[in-house]
Amino acid sequence: MDLTFTPDELEFRDEVRDFLKHNLDPELADRVRNLAHLSREDYEGWHAVLNEKGWLAPHWPVEYGGTGWDVVRRFIFDDECNRAFAPRVVPFGLNMLAPVLIRYGTEAQKAHYLPRILDGTDFWCQGYSEPGAGSDLASLQCAAIRDGDHYVVNGQKTWTTLGHYANRMFVLVRTSREGKRQQGISFLLIDLESPGVEVRPLITLDGRHEVNEVFFTNVRVPVDNLVGDENRGWDCAKYLLTYERTNSANVGASYAALGRLRELAAKRTRNGRPLTEDPLFAARLARVEIELDNMSTTNLRVIASVADGAAPRTESSMLKILGTEIPQEISNLARMAMGPAARALRDESGTGRALTRDDRAALNYFNLRKLTIFAGSNEIQKNIIAKMMLGL
């Protein structure tokens, strides 16, 4: 693969930079740069800016609102957005549900939901994990029983990221207990404003409300909200997870974080010399940069393969592993570089002042502990690689 940009691609990069310069709110970019907690309005505002430009869904087919960009332009756009500290677009509706609808949904479902994802009418969250079903997703127990033209849903989902912002959830439910566990699962779209839905906050290690647990008590869901065939939701789940795990690479964000780390290390000293000149610290910094460059190349190969119609296999698991371990290591090195200044202030509202990026170094480190667990723990990803590549 030729990784040298052509003159046309360099011109496109300049166009993206100019767009970001004139359309990305500097205050919002500062909050992203300083690792601040983003509000629903922050996410929705940037979503609207990209949608108005027509740049919100680069990976969608053009007929549904995609850009028609090739893999290199998608990479350039993602990289430049991260370097400019633009907020990450919330992925649940745009990058996870939409590909499933485009492949498995009815024409009526695509016509109804895809425009609402683009214009921000619906804010989606994901209902996969349960208290007893995380990486072993086939163990899920949340049940949906057919009652005429509705399903009646009872059960619980947990670790629901941004569920307190969402008005819609795509959910895996058990519709049959016969045969293999995977064969009795269905994929439903649920309105979170339906009677019987309760969203409760879960506070993470950094003291923030980012994830939730969601309870369903006799929630009635129209049968028309079933995506794909009943008891075949595992097909949708696997297809979605390849996108979620590939998106976990988040290469541009890691490059931005690495840049911040280099700036920080250059200002901190050990034995009278900058940390960037300390042999042990410099070696760890070099290792993470090498791994990030390798992951970037692999990510381009996978995206190119998907663009040609192939579905990622073990590559998505590789990207999930690297794409979560690398930002963890970057956050760990930042915390080490800060030393005692990387104080873990759990309550932003109770400090009497606005927190700086330095204050948030430990908070960010704690928050990123979750990366190697969600979307299938990294241990599960290694099992997948061993099974599919080595036949173990």
Protein backbone atom coordinates (compact mmCIF):
# COMPACT_ATOMS: atom_id res chain seq x y z
CA MET A 1 0.00 0.00 0.00
CA ASP A 2 1.35 3.43 -1.00
CA LEU A 3 1.05 5.69 2.06
CA THR A 4 2.20 8.83 0.24
CA PHE A 5 -0.62 11.28 -0.36
CA THR A 6 -1.29 12.36 -3.94
CA PRO A 7 -1.67 16.07 -4.87
CA ASP A 8 -5.46 15.62 -4.88
CA GLU A 9 -5.37 14.08 -1.43
CA LEU A 10 -3.17 16.89 -0.12
CA GLU A 11 -5.68 19.37 -1.54
CA PHE A 12 -8.47 17.52 0.27
CA ARG A 13 -6.46 17.65 3.50
CA ASP A 14 -6.18 21.43 3.13
CA GLU A 15 -9.94 21.62 2.57
CA VAL A 16 -10.57 19.67 5.78
CA ARG A 17 -8.17 21.88 7.73
CA ASP A 18 -9.87 25.01 6.44
CA PHE A 19 -13.29 23.63 7.37
CA LEU A 20 -12.13 22.83 10.90
CA LYS A 21 -10.52 26.22 11.28
CA HIS A 22 -13.77 28.01 10.49
CA ASN A 23 -16.38 25.64 11.93
CA LEU A 24 -14.93 24.01 15.05
CA ASP A 25 -15.73 26.10 18.13
CA PRO A 26 -12.36 26.91 19.80
CA GLU A 27 -13.91 26.58 23.27
CA LEU A 28 -15.20 23.12 22.40
CA ALA A 29 -11.79 22.13 21.02
CA ASP A 30 -10.19 23.33 24.26
CA ARG A 31 -12.51 21.14 26.31
CA VAL A 32 -11.56 18.13 24.18
CA ARG A 33 -7.86 19.04 24.42
CA ASN A 34 -8.11 19.37 28.19
CA LEU A 35 -9.97 16.05 28.61
CA ALA A 36 -13.10 17.77 29.94
CA HIS A 37 -16.42 15.95 30.23
CA LEU A 38 -18.61 16.73 27.19
CA SER A 39 -22.33 17.43 27.47
CA ARG A 40 -25.08 16.14 25.24
CA GLU A 41 -25.21 19.60 23.65
CA ASP A 42 -21.49 19.37 22.81
CA TYR A 43 -21.98 16.08 20.98
CA GLU A 44 -25.17 17.17 19.23
CA GLY A 45 -23.70 20.52 18.16
CA TRP A 46 -20.69 18.97 16.40
CA HIS A 47 -22.95 16.29 14.91
CA ALA A 48 -25.11 19.04 13.39
CA VAL A 49 -22.11 20.93 12.00
CA LEU A 50 -20.83 17.83 10.18
CA ASN A 51 -24.30 16.89 8.94
CA GLU A 52 -24.88 20.36 7.47
CA LYS A 53 -21.58 20.04 5.60
CA GLY A 54 -22.50 16.54 4.41
CA TRP A 55 -19.45 15.03 6.12
CA LEU A 56 -21.13 13.16 8.98
CA ALA A 57 -21.23 9.64 7.51
CA PRO A 58 -18.14 9.06 5.34
CA HIS A 59 -18.53 5.27 5.48
CA TRP A 60 -22.23 5.16 4.43
CA PRO A 61 -23.20 4.45 0.83
CA VAL A 62 -23.82 7.66 -1.09
CA GLU A 63 -27.49 6.81 -1.66
CA TYR A 64 -28.09 6.95 2.10
CA GLY A 65 -26.15 10.15 2.75
CA GLY A 66 -22.52 9.06 2.57
CA THR A 67 -19.71 11.13 1.10
CA GLY A 68 -18.33 8.75 -1.49
CA TRP A 69 -14.82 9.23 -0.09
CA ASP A 70 -12.24 6.51 -0.61
CA VAL A 71 -10.32 4.98 2.28
CA VAL A 72 -7.50 7.54 2.15
CA ARG A 73 -9.86 10.51 2.36
CA ARG A 74 -11.63 8.93 5.31
CA PHE A 75 -8.28 8.48 7.02
CA ILE A 76 -7.30 12.09 6.31
CA PHE A 77 -10.60 13.42 7.61
CA ASP A 78 -10.42 11.38 10.83
CA ASP A 79 -6.78 12.29 11.39
CA GLU A 80 -7.31 16.02 10.88
CA CYS A 81 -10.39 16.09 13.13
CA ASN A 82 -8.41 14.49 15.92
CA ARG A 83 -5.42 16.75 15.44
CA ALA A 84 -7.77 19.75 15.69
CA PHE A 85 -9.32 18.30 18.88
CA ALA A 86 -12.79 17.96 17.43
CA PRO A 87 -15.17 15.86 19.54
CA ARG A 88 -15.48 12.24 18.53
CA VAL A 89 -18.83 11.67 16.85
CA VAL A 90 -21.00 9.42 19.05
CA PRO A 91 -20.69 6.07 17.26
CA PHE A 92 -23.78 4.13 18.34
CA GLY A 93 -26.28 5.25 15.72
CA LEU A 94 -23.88 6.44 13.05
CA ASN A 95 -21.14 3.80 13.02
CA MET A 96 -22.77 0.77 14.63
CA LEU A 97 -26.53 0.65 14.07
CA ALA A 98 -26.54 2.22 10.61
CA PRO A 99 -24.34 -0.47 8.95
CA VAL A 100 -26.63 -3.14 10.46
CA LEU A 101 -29.75 -1.42 9.13
CA ILE A 102 -28.21 -0.97 5.69
CA ARG A 103 -27.37 -4.68 5.52
CA TYR A 104 -30.21 -6.34 7.46
CA GLY A 105 -32.96 -3.74 7.82
CA THR A 106 -36.16 -3.48 5.79
CA GLU A 107 -36.60 -0.66 3.32
CA ALA A 108 -39.11 0.92 5.71
CA GLN A 109 -36.61 0.77 8.59
CA LYS A 110 -33.85 2.32 6.49
CA ALA A 111 -36.16 5.06 5.20
CA HIS A 112 -37.30 5.91 8.72
CA TYR A 113 -34.20 5.59 10.89
CA LEU A 114 -31.23 6.55 8.71
CA PRO A 115 -32.38 10.17 8.11
CA ARG A 116 -33.11 10.50 11.85
CA ILE A 117 -29.57 9.36 12.66
CA LEU A 118 -28.17 11.98 10.30
CA ASP A 119 -30.27 14.92 11.48
CA GLY A 120 -29.85 14.05 15.16
CA THR A 121 -33.51 13.35 15.86
CA ASP A 122 -32.54 10.07 17.49
CA PHE A 123 -29.66 9.70 19.95
CA TRP A 124 -28.87 5.97 20.09
CA CYS A 125 -27.20 3.82 22.71
CA GLN A 126 -26.26 0.14 22.76
CA GLY A 127 -27.99 -2.59 24.78
CA TYR A 128 -25.70 -5.61 24.68
CA SER A 129 -24.03 -6.24 28.07
CA GLU A 130 -25.92 -7.56 31.09
CA PRO A 131 -24.82 -8.26 34.67
CA GLY A 132 -24.19 -11.90 33.70
CA ALA A 133 -23.39 -11.46 30.01
CA GLY A 134 -20.51 -9.25 28.94
CA SER A 135 -17.78 -10.77 26.82
CA ASP A 136 -19.82 -14.01 26.92
CA LEU A 137 -22.64 -12.22 25.14
CA ALA A 138 -24.52 -15.39 24.18
CA SER A 139 -25.41 -15.79 27.89
CA LEU A 140 -27.78 -12.81 27.78
CA GLN A 141 -31.13 -13.27 29.53
CA CYS A 142 -33.12 -10.11 28.71
CA ALA A 143 -36.24 -11.68 27.20
CA ALA A 144 -38.74 -10.63 24.55
CA ILE A 145 -41.98 -12.62 24.27
CA ARG A 146 -44.22 -12.20 21.22
CA ASP A 147 -47.69 -10.85 22.03
CA GLY A 148 -49.63 -10.16 18.83
CA ASP A 149 -47.95 -7.34 16.93
CA HIS A 150 -45.63 -6.50 19.86
CA TYR A 151 -42.79 -8.02 21.84
CA VAL A 152 -42.95 -7.70 25.63
CA VAL A 153 -39.43 -7.10 26.95
CA ASN A 154 -38.26 -7.83 30.49
CA GLY A 155 -34.71 -7.76 31.79
CA GLN A 156 -31.68 -5.56 32.34
CA LYS A 157 -28.76 -4.08 30.41
CA THR A 158 -25.67 -2.58 31.99
CA TRP A 159 -22.62 -0.41 31.15
CA THR A 160 -24.86 1.52 28.74
CA THR A 161 -22.63 4.36 27.58
CA LEU A 162 -24.45 7.72 27.27
CA GLY A 163 -27.77 5.99 27.91
CA HIS A 164 -28.86 9.03 29.93
CA TYR A 165 -28.53 11.13 26.76
CA ALA A 166 -30.26 8.64 24.44
CA ASN A 167 -33.89 8.34 23.35
CA ARG A 168 -33.36 5.08 21.42
CA MET A 169 -31.51 1.82 22.09
CA PHE A 170 -30.68 -1.13 19.86
CA VAL A 171 -30.95 -4.22 22.03
CA LEU A 172 -30.14 -7.91 21.89
CA VAL A 173 -32.94 -9.93 23.48
CA ARG A 174 -33.65 -13.62 23.96
CA THR A 175 -36.68 -14.76 21.96
CA SER A 176 -36.06 -18.51 22.23
CA ARG A 177 -34.35 -20.87 24.66
CA GLU A 178 -34.19 -23.82 22.26
CA GLY A 179 -31.04 -24.98 20.49
CA LYS A 180 -27.70 -23.20 20.77
CA ARG A 181 -27.67 -20.03 22.83
CA GLN A 182 -26.79 -17.87 19.82
CA GLN A 183 -29.79 -19.15 17.85
CA GLY A 184 -32.40 -17.70 20.21
CA ILE A 185 -31.30 -14.06 20.12
CA SER A 186 -33.06 -11.23 18.25
CA PHE A 187 -32.12 -7.62 17.48
CA LEU A 188 -34.72 -5.02 18.54
CA LEU A 189 -34.99 -1.23 18.36
CA ILE A 190 -36.50 0.22 21.55
CA ASP A 191 -37.88 3.67 22.30
CA LEU A 192 -36.44 4.57 25.71
CA GLU A 193 -39.43 6.78 26.42
CA SER A 194 -41.69 3.69 26.44
CA PRO A 195 -43.49 2.84 29.70
CA GLY A 196 -41.49 0.39 31.79
CA VAL A 197 -38.00 1.67 30.88
CA GLU A 198 -35.80 2.91 33.73
CA VAL A 199 -32.27 4.31 33.31
CA ARG A 200 -30.06 4.45 36.41
CA PRO A 201 -26.58 6.03 36.55
CA LEU A 202 -23.35 4.14 37.22
CA ILE A 203 -20.47 6.34 38.36
CA THR A 204 -17.08 5.37 36.95
CA LEU A 205 -13.67 5.42 38.67
CA ASP A 206 -13.08 9.02 37.59
CA GLY A 207 -16.26 10.14 39.35
CA ARG A 208 -18.24 10.80 36.18
CA HIS A 209 -21.65 9.74 34.98
CA GLU A 210 -20.90 8.18 31.61
CA VAL A 211 -22.46 4.72 31.82
CA ASN A 212 -25.77 3.40 33.09
CA GLU A 213 -27.86 0.35 33.84
CA VAL A 214 -31.22 0.08 32.06
CA PHE A 215 -34.22 -1.92 33.28
CA PHE A 216 -37.12 -3.15 31.14
CA THR A 217 -40.39 -4.08 32.85
CA ASN A 218 -43.12 -5.28 30.47
CA VAL A 219 -41.95 -2.89 27.77
CA ARG A 220 -44.00 -3.27 24.60
CA VAL A 221 -42.01 -3.02 21.38
CA PRO A 222 -43.66 -3.19 17.93
CA VAL A 223 -42.71 -6.25 15.90
CA ASP A 224 -41.83 -3.83 13.11
CA ASN A 225 -38.82 -2.86 15.25
CA LEU A 226 -37.24 -6.29 14.75
CA VAL A 227 -34.12 -6.03 12.57
CA GLY A 228 -33.42 -9.14 10.53
CA ASP A 229 -35.14 -12.44 11.31
CA GLU A 230 -36.40 -13.51 14.71
CA ASN A 231 -33.83 -15.67 16.51
CA ARG A 232 -31.14 -14.58 14.00
CA GLY A 233 -30.02 -11.46 15.83
CA TRP A 234 -26.62 -13.04 16.41
CA ASP A 235 -25.85 -12.35 12.75
CA CYS A 236 -26.56 -8.65 13.32
CA ALA A 237 -24.57 -8.70 16.58
CA LYS A 238 -21.44 -10.16 14.99
CA TYR A 239 -21.65 -7.78 12.04
CA LEU A 240 -22.01 -4.79 14.36
CA LEU A 241 -19.16 -5.92 16.60
CA THR A 242 -16.73 -5.99 13.67
CA TYR A 243 -17.48 -2.29 13.17
CA GLU A 244 -17.31 -1.52 16.90
CA ARG A 245 -13.98 -3.29 17.29
CA THR A 246 -12.54 -1.70 14.17
CA ASN A 247 -13.69 1.72 15.40
CA SER A 248 -11.94 0.96 18.70
CA ALA A 249 -8.66 1.56 16.85
CA ASN A 250 -9.39 5.32 16.97
CA VAL A 251 -5.99 6.02 15.45
CA GLY A 252 -6.33 9.78 15.12
CA ALA A 253 -7.23 10.26 18.78
CA SER A 254 -4.20 8.23 19.85
CA TYR A 255 -1.92 10.36 17.66
CA ALA A 256 -3.38 13.49 19.25
CA ALA A 257 -2.88 12.04 22.73
CA LEU A 258 0.69 11.05 21.84
CA GLY A 259 1.37 14.63 20.71
CA ARG A 260 0.09 15.97 24.04
CA LEU A 261 2.27 13.44 25.87
CA ARG A 262 5.39 14.54 23.96
CA GLU A 263 4.68 18.18 24.83
CA LEU A 264 4.24 17.25 28.47
CA ALA A 265 7.37 15.10 28.63
CA ALA A 266 9.47 17.85 27.04
CA LYS A 267 8.49 20.22 29.87
CA ARG A 268 9.05 17.77 32.73
CA THR A 269 12.55 17.04 33.98
CA ARG A 270 14.28 14.16 35.71
CA ASN A 271 17.81 14.59 37.04
CA GLY A 272 17.98 17.98 35.35
CA ARG A 273 17.06 16.70 31.86
CA PRO A 274 13.74 16.61 29.99
CA LEU A 275 11.85 13.34 30.31
CA THR A 276 12.15 12.89 26.55
CA GLU A 277 15.89 12.41 27.13
CA ASP A 278 15.48 9.98 30.01
CA PRO A 279 16.46 6.53 28.62
CA LEU A 280 13.70 4.52 30.31
CA PHE A 281 10.90 6.98 29.63
CA ALA A 282 12.11 7.64 26.07
CA ALA A 283 12.18 3.89 25.37
CA ARG A 284 8.56 3.47 26.48
CA LEU A 285 7.57 6.53 24.46
CA ALA A 286 9.29 5.14 21.37
CA ARG A 287 7.64 1.75 21.83
CA VAL A 288 4.14 3.20 21.95
CA GLU A 289 4.86 5.35 18.89
CA ILE A 290 6.07 2.32 16.91
CA GLU A 291 2.98 0.34 17.89
CA LEU A 292 0.73 3.24 16.94
CA ASP A 293 2.36 3.56 13.50
CA ASN A 294 1.92 -0.18 12.95
CA MET A 295 -1.71 -0.01 14.01
CA SER A 296 -2.32 2.93 11.68
CA THR A 297 -1.10 0.91 8.70
CA THR A 298 -3.21 -2.10 9.71
CA ASN A 299 -6.24 0.14 10.15
CA LEU A 300 -5.84 1.49 6.61
CA ARG A 301 -5.64 -2.06 5.25
CA VAL A 302 -8.81 -3.09 7.09
CA ILE A 303 -10.76 -0.01 6.01
CA ALA A 304 -9.66 -0.58 2.42
CA SER A 305 -10.83 -4.20 2.65
CA VAL A 306 -14.22 -3.14 4.03
CA ALA A 307 -14.56 -0.57 1.26
CA ASP A 308 -14.12 -3.40 -1.25
CA GLY A 309 -17.02 -5.28 0.34
CA ALA A 310 -15.17 -7.60 2.71
CA ALA A 311 -16.02 -7.92 6.40
CA PRO A 312 -13.09 -7.75 8.85
CA ARG A 313 -12.25 -11.04 10.54
CA THR A 314 -9.36 -11.36 12.95
CA GLU A 315 -8.16 -7.91 11.87
CA SER A 316 -10.94 -6.24 13.85
CA SER A 317 -9.87 -8.16 16.96
CA MET A 318 -6.25 -7.10 16.41
CA LEU A 319 -7.30 -3.47 16.08
CA LYS A 320 -9.47 -3.71 19.17
CA ILE A 321 -6.53 -5.01 21.21
CA LEU A 322 -4.01 -2.46 19.97
CA GLY A 323 -6.53 0.38 19.80
CA THR A 324 -7.31 0.00 23.50
CA GLU A 325 -3.90 -0.89 24.92
CA ILE A 326 -2.13 2.02 23.20
CA PRO A 327 -4.27 4.83 24.70
CA GLN A 328 -4.01 3.10 28.08
CA GLU A 329 -0.23 3.20 27.84
CA ILE A 330 -0.26 6.83 26.68
CA SER A 331 -2.45 7.81 29.64
CA ASN A 332 -0.20 5.84 31.98
CA LEU A 333 2.92 7.62 30.70
CA ALA A 334 1.17 10.98 31.07
CA ARG A 335 0.28 10.14 34.66
CA MET A 336 3.88 9.07 35.33
CA ALA A 337 5.23 12.24 33.75
CA MET A 338 2.99 14.41 35.92
CA GLY A 339 3.97 12.67 39.13
CA PRO A 340 2.15 14.07 42.19
CA ALA A 341 0.63 16.81 40.02
CA ALA A 342 -1.57 14.17 38.33
CA ARG A 343 -3.88 14.33 41.31
CA ALA A 344 -7.07 12.32 41.17
CA LEU A 345 -9.79 14.90 41.81
CA ARG A 346 -13.01 12.93 41.60
CA ASP A 347 -15.54 15.75 41.87
CA GLU A 348 -15.08 18.56 39.39
CA SER A 349 -17.85 20.64 40.97
CA GLY A 350 -16.37 20.56 44.47
CA THR A 351 -12.84 21.83 43.88
CA GLY A 352 -13.67 25.51 43.83
CA ARG A 353 -11.95 26.01 40.47
CA ALA A 354 -11.95 24.65 36.94
CA LEU A 355 -9.75 21.61 36.50
CA THR A 356 -6.79 21.80 34.13
CA ARG A 357 -5.56 19.06 31.83
CA ASP A 358 -2.85 18.35 34.39
CA ASP A 359 -5.48 17.78 37.07
CA ARG A 360 -7.27 15.34 34.79
CA ALA A 361 -4.26 13.16 34.02
CA ALA A 362 -5.15 10.64 36.74
CA LEU A 363 -8.88 10.92 36.00
CA ASN A 364 -8.23 10.07 32.37
CA TYR A 365 -6.00 7.16 33.36
CA PHE A 366 -8.77 5.72 35.55
CA ASN A 367 -11.44 6.22 32.90
CA LEU A 368 -9.44 4.44 30.21
CA ARG A 369 -9.15 1.25 32.28
CA LYS A 370 -12.49 0.26 30.70
CA LEU A 371 -11.13 0.18 27.13
CA THR A 372 -9.72 -3.33 27.26
CA ILE A 373 -13.02 -4.68 28.62
CA PHE A 374 -15.77 -3.25 26.42
CA ALA A 375 -16.68 -4.54 22.94
CA GLY A 376 -15.46 -7.97 24.04
CA SER A 377 -12.52 -8.05 26.45
CA ASN A 378 -9.03 -8.27 24.97
CA GLU A 379 -8.72 -11.80 26.35
CA ILE A 380 -11.76 -12.76 24.27
CA GLN A 381 -10.20 -11.09 21.21
CA LYS A 382 -7.05 -13.19 21.65
CA ASN A 383 -9.21 -16.31 21.82
CA ILE A 384 -10.90 -15.28 18.56
CA ILE A 385 -7.53 -14.77 16.87
CA ALA A 386 -6.25 -18.11 18.15
CA LYS A 387 -9.37 -19.92 16.94
CA MET A 388 -9.66 -18.31 13.50
CA MET A 389 -5.99 -18.08 12.57
CA LEU A 390 -4.41 -20.99 14.42
CA GLY A 391 -7.35 -23.38 14.65
CA LEU A 392 -6.96 -23.70 18.41
